[in-house]
Amino acid sequence: MSLQSRIDSLQTRHASLDARLHDEDTRPMPNQATLNQIKLEKLRVKRELERLRQS
């Protein structure tokens, strides 16, 4: 997998997590554990994106 395709894949994953976060957050009774899990995963993806962009 090339660097650019990995970055594209991570950007898609980040957008997907953002949508999931929004969906969960707008539910009548959002699950805090799920919200925290999604936020942590989103942060991991963001850090990986930043690392790849700097290399």
C-alpha atoms as a PDB file:
ATOM      1  CA  MET A   1       0.000   0.000   0.000  1.00  0.00           C
ATOM      2  CA  SER A   2       1.446   3.338  -0.983  1.00  0.00           C
ATOM      3  CA  LEU A   3       1.753   6.208   1.438  1.00  0.00           C
ATOM      4  CA  GLN A   4      -0.951   8.224  -0.311  1.00  0.00           C
ATOM      5  CA  SER A   5      -3.407   5.326  -0.359  1.00  0.00           C
ATOM      6  CA  ARG A   6      -2.786   4.759   3.370  1.00  0.00           C
ATOM      7  CA  ILE A   7      -3.447   8.452   4.041  1.00  0.00           C
ATOM      8  CA  ASP A   8      -6.621   8.294   1.944  1.00  0.00           C
ATOM      9  CA  SER A   9      -7.754   5.207   3.833  1.00  0.00           C
ATOM     10  CA  LEU A  10      -7.155   6.900   7.190  1.00  0.00           C
ATOM     11  CA  GLN A  11      -9.009  10.032   6.067  1.00  0.00           C
ATOM     12  CA  THR A  12     -11.982   7.875   5.096  1.00  0.00           C
ATOM     13  CA  ARG A  13     -11.815   6.093   8.459  1.00  0.00           C
ATOM     14  CA  HIS A  14     -11.641   9.432  10.291  1.00  0.00           C
ATOM     15  CA  ALA A  15     -14.717  10.720   8.427  1.00  0.00           C
ATOM     16  CA  SER A  16     -16.575   7.499   9.197  1.00  0.00           C
ATOM     17  CA  LEU A  17     -15.744   7.809  12.895  1.00  0.00           C
ATOM     18  CA  ASP A  18     -16.873  11.433  12.830  1.00  0.00           C
ATOM     19  CA  ALA A  19     -20.233  10.359  11.398  1.00  0.00           C
ATOM     20  CA  ARG A  20     -20.578   7.602  14.018  1.00  0.00           C
ATOM     21  CA  LEU A  21     -19.729  10.095  16.753  1.00  0.00           C
ATOM     22  CA  HIS A  22     -22.369  12.490  15.493  1.00  0.00           C
ATOM     23  CA  ASP A  23     -24.974   9.713  15.236  1.00  0.00           C
ATOM     24  CA  GLU A  24     -24.297   8.485  18.761  1.00  0.00           C
ATOM     25  CA  ASP A  25     -24.184  11.989  20.211  1.00  0.00           C
ATOM     26  CA  THR A  26     -27.556  12.953  18.731  1.00  0.00           C
ATOM     27  CA  ARG A  27     -29.363   9.876  20.068  1.00  0.00           C
ATOM     28  CA  PRO A  28     -31.904  10.568  22.824  1.00  0.00           C
ATOM     29  CA  MET A  29     -29.670   8.837  25.406  1.00  0.00           C
ATOM     30  CA  PRO A  30     -26.114   8.631  24.052  1.00  0.00           C
ATOM     31  CA  ASN A  31     -23.888   5.932  25.481  1.00  0.00           C
ATOM     32  CA  GLN A  32     -20.877   7.652  27.082  1.00  0.00           C
ATOM     33  CA  ALA A  33     -18.686   4.557  26.837  1.00  0.00           C
ATOM     34  CA  THR A  34     -19.350   4.325  23.102  1.00  0.00           C
ATOM     35  CA  LEU A  35     -18.704   8.044  22.651  1.00  0.00           C
ATOM     36  CA  ASN A  36     -15.382   7.749  24.482  1.00  0.00           C
ATOM     37  CA  GLN A  37     -14.377   4.698  22.431  1.00  0.00           C
ATOM     38  CA  ILE A  38     -15.132   6.480  19.148  1.00  0.00           C
ATOM     39  CA  LYS A  39     -13.273   9.603  20.275  1.00  0.00           C
ATOM     40  CA  LEU A  40     -10.190   7.582  21.227  1.00  0.00           C
ATOM     41  CA  GLU A  41     -10.172   5.765  17.900  1.00  0.00           C
ATOM     42  CA  LYS A  42     -10.630   9.051  16.044  1.00  0.00           C
ATOM     43  CA  LEU A  43      -7.672  10.530  17.931  1.00  0.00           C
ATOM     44  CA  ARG A  44      -5.503   7.505  17.077  1.00  0.00           C
ATOM     45  CA  VAL A  45      -6.374   7.885  13.391  1.00  0.00           C
ATOM     46  CA  LYS A  46      -5.656  11.619  13.504  1.00  0.00           C
ATOM     47  CA  ARG A  47      -2.244  11.069  15.097  1.00  0.00           C
ATOM     48  CA  GLU A  48      -1.378   8.424  12.517  1.00  0.00           C
ATOM     49  CA  LEU A  49      -2.408  10.810   9.718  1.00  0.00           C
ATOM     50  CA  GLU A  50      -0.212  13.555  11.137  1.00  0.00           C
ATOM     51  CA  ARG A  51       2.715  11.164  11.477  1.00  0.00           C
ATOM     52  CA  LEU A  52       2.381   9.978   7.882  1.00  0.00           C
ATOM     53  CA  ARG A  53       2.033  13.504   6.512  1.00  0.00           C
ATOM     54  CA  GLN A  54       5.255  14.557   8.224  1.00  0.00           C
ATOM     55  CA  SER A  55       7.280  11.689   6.780  1.00  0.00           C
END
